[in-house]
C-alpha cells in the first residue's frame, strides 16, 4: 500500500483553511501601518530597541577603582599599566589633586625607561601646569609641578614652586624631597642635603625622600651615604627600577662592579626583557674590560629592542675597542639614524656615536668620511673628554691627508676627572 504523505489525515487540532487574497492585503496594510508608526517614533523607540538587541550597557570603571588599579601596578613595578590607569582616572576626575599628583609622579618615573620616553616627562609637566593654574595654592599641585620641572632640568622654576609647596605643607616629606631635587639641579648642594635630610626625618619610609637625600649626598662625593640611602629606598619599593639604575653607577665609582651588575640583575629578575638593564650590564662589563660578556649583553639588548640607540652605541664601543672598526661604524650609524629619526636635537644626542664613528673612519684611513662626522660631533654638546678625542682624530686627518692642509683644529682641553652623572635617566 502506498501512503500519500501529501494528503495524510494526521493533524493536530483543526485543519487550517485555505486563505484567499483578502487576507494577504489585510496583513500587508497592517504591516505598513506599523512600520510608519515605528519610523515616526524612532527617536523614542531606538534606545529601547538597542537595549534589547545589544543588552545592558557596560558599566564605566569609576576613577577610584582605576586609581586603585594604578596603585597596585605601581607597587608591582609595572609603570606602564600604572600610568595607563592613572591617566584614565585623571581624565574622569581632572580636579582630584590626589590622582593628579600620583599620575605626574608615575609619568616622571616612567620617563626614565629610555630615551624614547621623554614624552612622559613632557606630559607630566603639562598636567602639573594645568593643576597649578587651577589650584595655585594646593601643595599637591605645587609639589607635582616641582617634580615635573626637575625632570625637565628647569631648576630655578622648580625651586620656586618647591618653596611654595613646603610653605603650604611643611610636614609633607614628598614636598621637601622635590625641593631638595630642585636645589640639586641648581647645584645648591648644602640646601639640597639639608632639605633631603628633613624629608627623611619626616617620613623614613618615603621612597622620594630617600632618593632625594641620596642624590644630594652623592653630589659632593659622599657615595657611601648615597648608596645606603638608595638601599633604604629599595627596601621600601624593591620593584621600582629607577632606584637600581641610579644606585649602580655609585657602586661603579667605588670600584664594586659586581654589585652594579647585581643591581641590574635585580631589575632583570622582575623583567627579563628590560633592554635598558641589558645595556647597562654591557656598559659595566665594558668598563671591567670583560669584552665577551659586554658583547653578549649588548647583543641581547639590540635583539630585544633594535630601536634603542643606547644599546647600539655601547655595542659600537665594544666593537671599536675590539678593533672591529667596520662593525663599529655600522653600529654607530644605526645609533645616529635612530636618534635622527626620533627628531632629537643634536645637543640631546649621544655624542659618542659621532665621535667614535669618526675615529673609526680615521683609523680606516677614510678621512673624507671622518671629518664631516667630527664636525657634527662638536655640535652634540660633547664632554671635554669627547672633545679631546675629536680634536685628536681631526689632527691625524689634517696631518695625513693633504685635502685638509690649513684646517685649524682647536687646542684640546685636558679632561678633568668628573664622577659619572648619577641620574641614569636614559
Protein backbone atom coordinates (compact mmCIF):
# COMPACT_ATOMS: atom_id res chain seq x y z
CA UNK A 1 0.00 0.00 0.00
CA UNK A 2 1.35 3.36 -0.92
CA UNK A 3 0.99 6.13 1.64
CA UNK A 4 0.13 9.55 0.16
CA UNK A 5 2.07 11.83 2.61
CA UNK A 6 0.81 14.93 0.83
CA UNK A 7 -2.79 14.02 1.79
CA UNK A 8 -2.34 12.41 5.16
CA UNK A 9 -5.29 12.85 7.54
CA UNK A 10 -2.92 13.08 10.57
CA UNK A 11 -3.04 16.55 12.12
CA UNK A 12 -3.04 18.31 15.49
CA UNK A 13 -6.13 20.40 16.14
CA UNK A 14 -8.25 21.81 13.40
CA UNK A 15 -7.07 21.65 9.82
CA UNK A 16 -6.24 25.12 8.57
CA UNK A 17 -8.47 26.53 5.91
CA UNK A 18 -7.07 27.84 2.68
CA UNK A 19 -6.79 31.67 2.85
CA UNK A 20 -7.58 33.92 -0.06
CA UNK A 21 -6.17 37.21 -1.38
CA UNK A 22 -8.22 39.33 1.05
CA UNK A 23 -6.22 38.03 3.97
CA UNK A 24 -2.88 38.91 2.25
CA UNK A 25 -3.88 42.52 1.56
CA UNK A 26 -5.08 42.96 5.14
CA UNK A 27 -1.81 41.69 6.56
CA UNK A 28 0.18 43.95 4.18
CA UNK A 29 -1.80 47.04 5.19
CA UNK A 30 -1.33 46.30 8.88
CA UNK A 31 2.46 45.79 8.45
CA UNK A 32 2.93 49.04 6.56
CA UNK A 33 0.99 50.99 9.17
CA UNK A 34 3.12 49.53 11.94
CA UNK A 35 6.32 50.41 10.06
CA UNK A 36 5.21 54.01 9.58
CA UNK A 37 4.41 54.26 13.29
CA UNK A 38 7.84 52.91 14.30
CA UNK A 39 9.64 55.31 11.97
CA UNK A 40 7.62 58.23 13.35
CA UNK A 41 8.57 57.25 16.91
CA UNK A 42 12.18 56.20 16.05
CA UNK A 43 13.90 58.67 18.38
CA UNK A 44 11.90 57.32 21.29
CA UNK A 45 11.92 53.68 20.31
CA UNK A 46 15.58 53.32 19.26
CA UNK A 47 17.17 53.24 22.74
CA UNK A 48 14.74 50.61 23.93
CA UNK A 49 15.32 48.53 20.79
CA UNK A 50 19.09 48.79 21.14
CA UNK A 51 18.87 47.82 24.79
CA UNK A 52 17.02 44.64 23.83
CA UNK A 53 19.36 43.82 20.94
CA UNK A 54 22.69 44.81 22.50
CA UNK A 55 21.92 44.04 26.11
CA UNK A 56 22.61 46.36 29.07
CA UNK A 57 25.45 48.90 28.66
CA UNK A 58 28.89 48.03 30.03
CA UNK A 59 29.42 49.95 33.27
CA UNK A 60 32.25 52.55 33.15
CA UNK A 61 35.01 51.94 35.69
CA UNK A 62 34.99 54.78 38.19
CA UNK A 63 38.04 56.91 38.97
CA UNK A 64 38.55 55.46 42.44
CA UNK A 65 38.72 51.92 41.08
CA UNK A 66 41.10 52.99 38.33
CA UNK A 67 43.33 54.74 40.87
CA UNK A 68 43.39 51.59 42.99
CA UNK A 69 44.43 49.53 39.96
CA UNK A 70 47.12 52.10 39.20
CA UNK A 71 48.45 51.95 42.75
CA UNK A 72 48.62 48.16 42.64
CA UNK A 73 50.51 48.29 39.34
CA UNK A 74 52.92 50.86 40.78
CA UNK A 75 53.88 48.64 43.70
CA UNK A 76 54.31 45.74 41.29
CA UNK A 77 56.79 47.84 39.34
CA UNK A 78 54.50 47.91 36.30
CA UNK A 79 54.74 51.60 35.49
CA UNK A 80 53.22 51.17 32.02
CA UNK A 81 49.90 49.98 33.39
CA UNK A 82 50.10 52.29 36.39
CA UNK A 83 50.41 55.27 34.05
CA UNK A 84 47.57 53.94 31.89
CA UNK A 85 45.17 53.57 34.83
CA UNK A 86 46.12 56.91 36.36
CA UNK A 87 45.62 58.62 33.00
CA UNK A 88 42.12 57.19 32.76
CA UNK A 89 41.33 58.17 36.35
CA UNK A 90 42.70 61.65 35.72
CA UNK A 91 40.54 62.09 32.60
CA UNK A 92 37.46 61.24 34.65
CA UNK A 93 38.36 63.48 37.59
CA UNK A 94 40.90 66.12 36.48
CA UNK A 95 40.18 68.17 39.61
CA UNK A 96 41.19 65.38 42.00
CA UNK A 97 44.61 66.59 43.13
CA UNK A 98 45.45 63.25 44.75
CA UNK A 99 45.04 61.37 41.48
CA UNK A 100 46.79 64.16 39.57
CA UNK A 101 49.81 64.01 41.88
CA UNK A 102 50.24 60.26 41.54
CA UNK A 103 49.77 60.49 37.77
CA UNK A 104 52.55 63.07 37.46
CA UNK A 105 54.92 61.12 39.71
CA UNK A 106 54.39 57.93 37.71
CA UNK A 107 54.89 59.78 34.44
CA UNK A 108 58.21 61.17 35.68
CA UNK A 109 59.47 57.79 36.85
CA UNK A 110 58.21 56.22 33.63
CA UNK A 111 60.15 58.77 31.58
CA UNK A 112 63.38 57.19 32.88
CA UNK A 113 62.68 53.98 30.94
CA UNK A 114 64.68 55.16 27.94
CA UNK A 115 65.47 57.96 25.54
CA UNK A 116 62.21 57.33 23.72
CA UNK A 117 60.08 58.04 26.80
CA UNK A 118 60.84 61.73 27.21
CA UNK A 119 57.26 62.40 26.11
CA UNK A 120 56.14 61.15 29.52
CA UNK A 121 58.10 63.89 31.28
CA UNK A 122 56.59 66.40 28.86
CA UNK A 123 53.10 65.10 29.64
CA UNK A 124 53.83 65.29 33.37
CA UNK A 125 54.70 68.96 33.03
CA UNK A 126 51.52 69.65 31.03
CA UNK A 127 49.34 68.03 33.70
CA UNK A 128 51.15 69.74 36.57
CA UNK A 129 50.97 73.15 34.90
CA UNK A 130 47.23 72.77 34.45
CA UNK A 131 46.84 71.73 38.08
CA UNK A 132 48.81 74.73 39.34
CA UNK A 133 46.81 77.01 37.07
CA UNK A 134 43.54 75.77 38.54
CA UNK A 135 44.72 75.31 42.15
CA UNK A 136 47.70 77.65 42.70
CA UNK A 137 47.71 77.13 46.48
CA UNK A 138 47.29 73.37 46.58
CA UNK A 139 50.51 71.75 47.90
CA UNK A 140 49.97 68.62 45.82
CA UNK A 141 49.72 70.68 42.64
CA UNK A 142 52.83 72.65 43.58
CA UNK A 143 54.79 69.53 44.54
CA UNK A 144 53.85 67.79 41.28
CA UNK A 145 54.88 70.90 39.38
CA UNK A 146 58.23 70.94 41.19
CA UNK A 147 58.97 67.32 40.30
CA UNK A 148 57.90 67.78 36.68
CA UNK A 149 60.16 70.83 36.33
CA UNK A 150 63.10 68.92 37.81
CA UNK A 151 62.54 66.19 35.23
CA UNK A 152 62.83 68.83 32.50
CA UNK A 153 66.04 70.34 34.00
CA UNK A 154 64.34 73.60 34.96
CA UNK A 155 65.89 74.04 38.38
CA UNK A 156 65.13 77.72 39.01
CA UNK A 157 61.40 77.34 38.41
CA UNK A 158 61.35 74.03 40.28
CA UNK A 159 62.89 75.58 43.39
CA UNK A 160 60.38 78.44 43.37
CA UNK A 161 57.46 76.02 43.13
CA UNK A 162 59.00 73.70 45.73
CA UNK A 163 59.36 76.50 48.28
CA UNK A 164 55.65 77.31 47.87
CA UNK A 165 54.74 73.63 48.30
CA UNK A 166 56.77 73.37 51.53
CA UNK A 167 55.28 76.61 52.86
CA UNK A 168 51.79 75.17 52.44
CA UNK A 169 52.63 71.64 53.68
CA UNK A 170 55.76 71.88 55.87
CA UNK A 171 55.33 68.38 57.29
CA UNK A 172 54.92 66.62 53.94
CA UNK A 173 58.07 64.64 53.11
CA UNK A 174 57.49 64.50 49.36
CA UNK A 175 57.26 68.29 49.04
CA UNK A 176 60.64 68.67 50.74
CA UNK A 177 62.10 65.81 48.70
CA UNK A 178 61.24 67.52 45.43
CA UNK A 179 62.56 70.84 46.71
CA UNK A 180 65.82 69.05 47.56
CA UNK A 181 65.99 67.75 43.99
CA UNK A 182 65.38 71.28 42.70
CA UNK A 183 68.21 72.65 44.84
CA UNK A 184 70.48 69.92 43.49
CA UNK A 185 69.52 70.93 39.96
CA UNK A 186 70.67 74.43 40.89
CA UNK A 187 73.91 72.99 42.35
CA UNK A 188 72.97 74.34 45.77
CA UNK A 189 74.34 71.22 47.42
CA UNK A 190 74.07 72.32 51.06
CA UNK A 191 70.40 73.31 50.68
CA UNK A 192 69.76 70.05 48.82
CA UNK A 193 71.31 67.95 51.59
CA UNK A 194 69.59 69.77 54.45
CA UNK A 195 66.20 69.65 52.75
CA UNK A 196 66.64 65.99 51.78
CA UNK A 197 67.55 65.07 55.36
CA UNK A 198 64.47 66.89 56.65
CA UNK A 199 62.34 64.91 54.21
CA UNK A 200 63.75 61.62 55.51
CA UNK A 201 63.22 62.76 59.11
CA UNK A 202 59.57 63.50 58.34
CA UNK A 203 59.00 60.10 56.70
CA UNK A 204 61.79 57.50 56.81
CA UNK A 205 59.67 55.19 54.62
CA UNK A 206 59.29 57.68 51.78
CA UNK A 207 60.95 56.45 48.59
CA UNK A 208 61.16 60.01 47.25
CA UNK A 209 62.75 61.33 50.45
CA UNK A 210 65.44 58.63 50.49
CA UNK A 211 66.12 59.13 46.80
CA UNK A 212 66.39 62.90 47.17
CA UNK A 213 68.88 62.61 50.04
CA UNK A 214 70.93 60.01 48.15
CA UNK A 215 71.24 62.28 45.12
CA UNK A 216 72.10 65.27 47.28
CA UNK A 217 74.85 63.43 49.19
CA UNK A 218 76.35 61.97 46.01
CA UNK A 219 76.63 65.47 44.60
CA UNK A 220 79.51 66.15 46.99
CA UNK A 221 81.10 62.72 46.60
CA UNK A 222 79.60 61.11 49.70
CA UNK A 223 78.91 57.92 47.79
CA UNK A 224 78.71 55.55 50.75
CA UNK A 225 75.88 57.60 52.26
CA UNK A 226 74.19 57.80 48.87
CA UNK A 227 74.40 54.03 48.43
CA UNK A 228 72.92 53.49 51.88
CA UNK A 229 70.00 55.81 51.14
CA UNK A 230 69.28 54.09 47.84
CA UNK A 231 69.29 50.71 49.56
CA UNK A 232 66.79 52.06 52.08
CA UNK A 233 64.60 53.32 49.25
CA UNK A 234 64.81 49.91 47.58
CA UNK A 235 63.67 48.23 50.79
CA UNK A 236 60.59 50.45 50.68
CA UNK A 237 59.95 49.73 46.98
CA UNK A 238 62.02 46.80 45.65
CA UNK A 239 60.34 46.86 42.22
CA UNK A 240 60.95 50.49 41.25
CA UNK A 241 63.57 50.15 38.52
CA UNK A 242 64.83 53.73 38.58
CA UNK A 243 66.34 53.14 42.01
CA UNK A 244 68.60 50.37 40.69
CA UNK A 245 69.63 52.41 37.66
CA UNK A 246 70.64 55.30 39.91
CA UNK A 247 72.32 53.11 42.53
CA UNK A 248 74.56 51.07 40.22
CA UNK A 249 76.77 53.97 38.97
CA UNK A 250 77.79 54.71 42.54
CA UNK A 251 78.93 51.14 43.00
CA UNK A 252 81.00 51.59 39.86
CA UNK A 253 82.54 54.79 41.24
CA UNK A 254 83.53 52.76 44.30
CA UNK A 255 85.01 50.08 42.04
CA UNK A 256 82.40 47.49 43.05
CA UNK A 257 81.45 46.28 39.57
CA UNK A 258 79.92 43.05 40.87
CA UNK A 259 77.42 44.99 43.00
CA UNK A 260 76.49 47.11 39.99
CA UNK A 261 75.87 44.00 37.88
CA UNK A 262 73.76 42.58 40.71
CA UNK A 263 71.67 45.76 40.73
CA UNK A 264 70.88 45.33 37.04
CA UNK A 265 70.22 41.63 37.56
CA UNK A 266 67.62 42.55 40.18
CA UNK A 267 65.82 44.53 37.50
CA UNK A 268 66.05 41.62 35.09
CA UNK A 269 64.73 39.23 37.74
CA UNK A 270 61.46 41.15 37.57
CA UNK A 271 61.61 41.84 33.82
CA UNK A 272 63.98 39.69 31.79
CA UNK A 273 63.29 41.77 28.65
CA UNK A 274 64.34 45.12 30.13
CA UNK A 275 66.56 46.44 27.35
CA UNK A 276 67.91 49.27 29.49
CA UNK A 277 69.19 46.81 32.12
CA UNK A 278 70.89 44.68 29.45
CA UNK A 279 72.51 47.81 28.02
CA UNK A 280 73.75 48.94 31.42
CA UNK A 281 75.17 45.48 32.07
CA UNK A 282 77.01 45.78 28.78
CA UNK A 283 78.43 49.16 29.84
CA UNK A 284 79.54 47.78 33.21
CA UNK A 285 81.23 44.72 31.71
CA UNK A 286 82.86 47.07 29.18
CA UNK A 287 84.36 49.16 31.98
CA UNK A 288 85.69 45.95 33.52
CA UNK A 289 87.28 45.12 30.16
CA UNK A 290 85.20 41.96 30.04
CA UNK A 291 84.54 42.32 26.33
CA UNK A 292 82.95 38.91 25.84
CA UNK A 293 80.26 39.46 28.48
CA UNK A 294 79.83 43.04 27.30
CA UNK A 295 79.23 41.98 23.70
CA UNK A 296 76.77 39.27 24.77
CA UNK A 297 74.77 41.74 26.88
CA UNK A 298 74.72 44.37 24.12
CA UNK A 299 73.67 41.83 21.51
CA UNK A 300 70.86 40.73 23.82
CA UNK A 301 69.79 44.37 24.16
CA UNK A 302 69.64 45.12 20.42
CA UNK A 303 67.84 41.83 19.80
CA UNK A 304 65.17 42.75 22.35
CA UNK A 305 64.79 46.28 21.04
CA UNK A 306 66.60 47.21 17.80
CA UNK A 307 65.29 50.78 18.15
CA UNK A 308 67.19 51.57 21.37
CA UNK A 309 70.09 53.90 20.39
CA UNK A 310 71.99 53.49 23.68
CA UNK A 311 72.37 49.76 23.05
CA UNK A 312 73.79 50.36 19.56
CA UNK A 313 76.14 53.00 20.96
CA UNK A 314 77.51 50.59 23.52
CA UNK A 315 77.74 47.73 21.02
CA UNK A 316 79.72 50.08 18.79
CA UNK A 317 82.07 50.85 21.68
CA UNK A 318 82.66 47.14 22.29
CA UNK A 319 83.43 46.59 18.61
CA UNK A 320 85.66 49.66 18.47
CA UNK A 321 87.88 48.56 21.36
CA UNK A 322 87.98 45.06 19.88
CA UNK A 323 89.38 46.65 16.67
CA UNK A 324 86.34 45.67 14.67
CA UNK A 325 86.19 49.14 13.14
CA UNK A 326 83.89 48.28 10.26
CA UNK A 327 81.41 46.74 12.70
CA UNK A 328 81.76 49.76 14.97
CA UNK A 329 80.97 52.15 12.10
CA UNK A 330 77.84 50.13 11.35
CA UNK A 331 76.62 50.13 14.96
CA UNK A 332 77.28 53.85 15.40
CA UNK A 333 75.44 54.61 12.16
CA UNK A 334 72.37 52.75 13.39
CA UNK A 335 72.60 54.74 16.63
CA UNK A 336 72.79 58.01 14.65
CA UNK A 337 69.91 57.03 12.37
CA UNK A 338 67.66 56.15 15.30
CA UNK A 339 68.33 59.44 17.09
CA UNK A 340 67.79 61.41 13.89
CA UNK A 341 64.55 59.59 13.09
CA UNK A 342 63.34 60.30 16.62
CA UNK A 343 63.76 64.01 15.95
CA UNK A 344 66.27 64.59 18.74
CA UNK A 345 68.18 67.86 18.66
CA UNK A 346 71.93 67.46 18.16
CA UNK A 347 72.67 68.69 21.67
CA UNK A 348 70.43 65.94 23.04
CA UNK A 349 72.02 63.14 21.01
CA UNK A 350 74.72 60.69 22.08
CA UNK A 351 77.98 62.36 21.17
CA UNK A 352 79.84 59.05 21.46
CA UNK A 353 78.15 57.69 18.34
CA UNK A 354 79.53 60.53 16.23
CA UNK A 355 82.90 60.80 17.97
CA UNK A 356 83.86 57.15 17.76
CA UNK A 357 82.41 56.66 14.32
CA UNK A 358 84.70 59.46 13.18
CA UNK A 359 87.65 57.87 14.94
CA UNK A 360 86.86 54.52 13.34
CA UNK A 361 86.77 56.16 9.89
CA UNK A 362 90.08 57.88 10.64
CA UNK A 363 91.73 54.60 11.66
CA UNK A 364 90.41 53.06 8.43
CA UNK A 365 92.11 55.90 6.53
CA UNK A 366 88.77 57.32 5.38
CA UNK A 367 89.22 60.92 6.46
CA UNK A 368 86.81 62.15 3.79
CA UNK A 369 84.13 60.42 5.86
CA UNK A 370 85.67 61.09 9.28
CA UNK A 371 85.94 64.89 9.09
CA UNK A 372 82.22 65.62 8.43
CA UNK A 373 81.31 63.31 11.32
CA UNK A 374 83.77 65.11 13.63
CA UNK A 375 82.14 68.42 12.68
CA UNK A 376 78.74 67.11 13.71
CA UNK A 377 80.16 65.55 16.89
CA UNK A 378 81.24 69.01 18.06
CA UNK A 379 77.60 70.13 17.86
CA UNK A 380 76.33 67.40 20.23
CA UNK A 381 77.42 69.19 23.40
CA UNK A 382 80.26 66.72 24.00
CA UNK A 383 82.18 66.44 27.26
CA UNK A 384 85.76 67.66 27.47
CA UNK A 385 86.87 64.04 27.16
CA UNK A 386 84.98 63.56 23.90
CA UNK A 387 86.15 66.93 22.57
CA UNK A 388 89.73 65.89 23.20
CA UNK A 389 89.23 62.70 21.19
CA UNK A 390 87.53 64.62 18.38
CA UNK A 391 90.44 67.06 18.14
CA UNK A 392 92.96 64.22 18.15
CA UNK A 393 91.12 62.47 15.31
CA UNK A 394 90.85 65.68 13.30
CA UNK A 395 94.56 66.41 13.84
CA UNK A 396 95.50 62.97 12.49
CA UNK A 397 93.41 63.58 9.37
CA UNK A 398 94.90 67.02 8.80
CA UNK A 399 98.45 65.70 9.10
CA UNK A 400 97.79 62.61 6.96
CA UNK A 401 95.53 64.00 4.25
CA UNK A 402 96.62 66.92 2.08
CA UNK A 403 92.97 67.75 1.37
CA UNK A 404 92.77 69.21 4.87
CA UNK A 405 96.01 71.19 4.93
CA UNK A 406 95.47 74.55 6.57
CA UNK A 407 92.49 73.28 8.55
CA UNK A 408 92.67 74.70 12.08
CA UNK A 409 91.89 72.38 14.98
CA UNK A 410 91.10 74.00 18.35
CA UNK A 411 93.50 73.30 21.19
CA UNK A 412 92.39 70.29 23.20
CA UNK A 413 91.47 70.89 26.83
CA UNK A 414 92.84 68.23 29.20
CA UNK A 415 89.78 66.39 30.53
CA UNK A 416 89.10 66.63 34.23
CA UNK A 417 88.15 63.66 36.35
CA UNK A 418 84.43 64.01 36.96
CA UNK A 419 82.22 61.36 38.64
CA UNK A 420 79.63 59.85 36.27
CA UNK A 421 76.27 61.52 36.18
CA UNK A 422 74.26 59.68 38.86
CA UNK A 423 70.81 60.02 37.32
CA UNK A 424 70.62 57.31 34.69
CA UNK A 425 67.58 58.81 33.01
CA UNK A 426 68.09 57.06 29.67
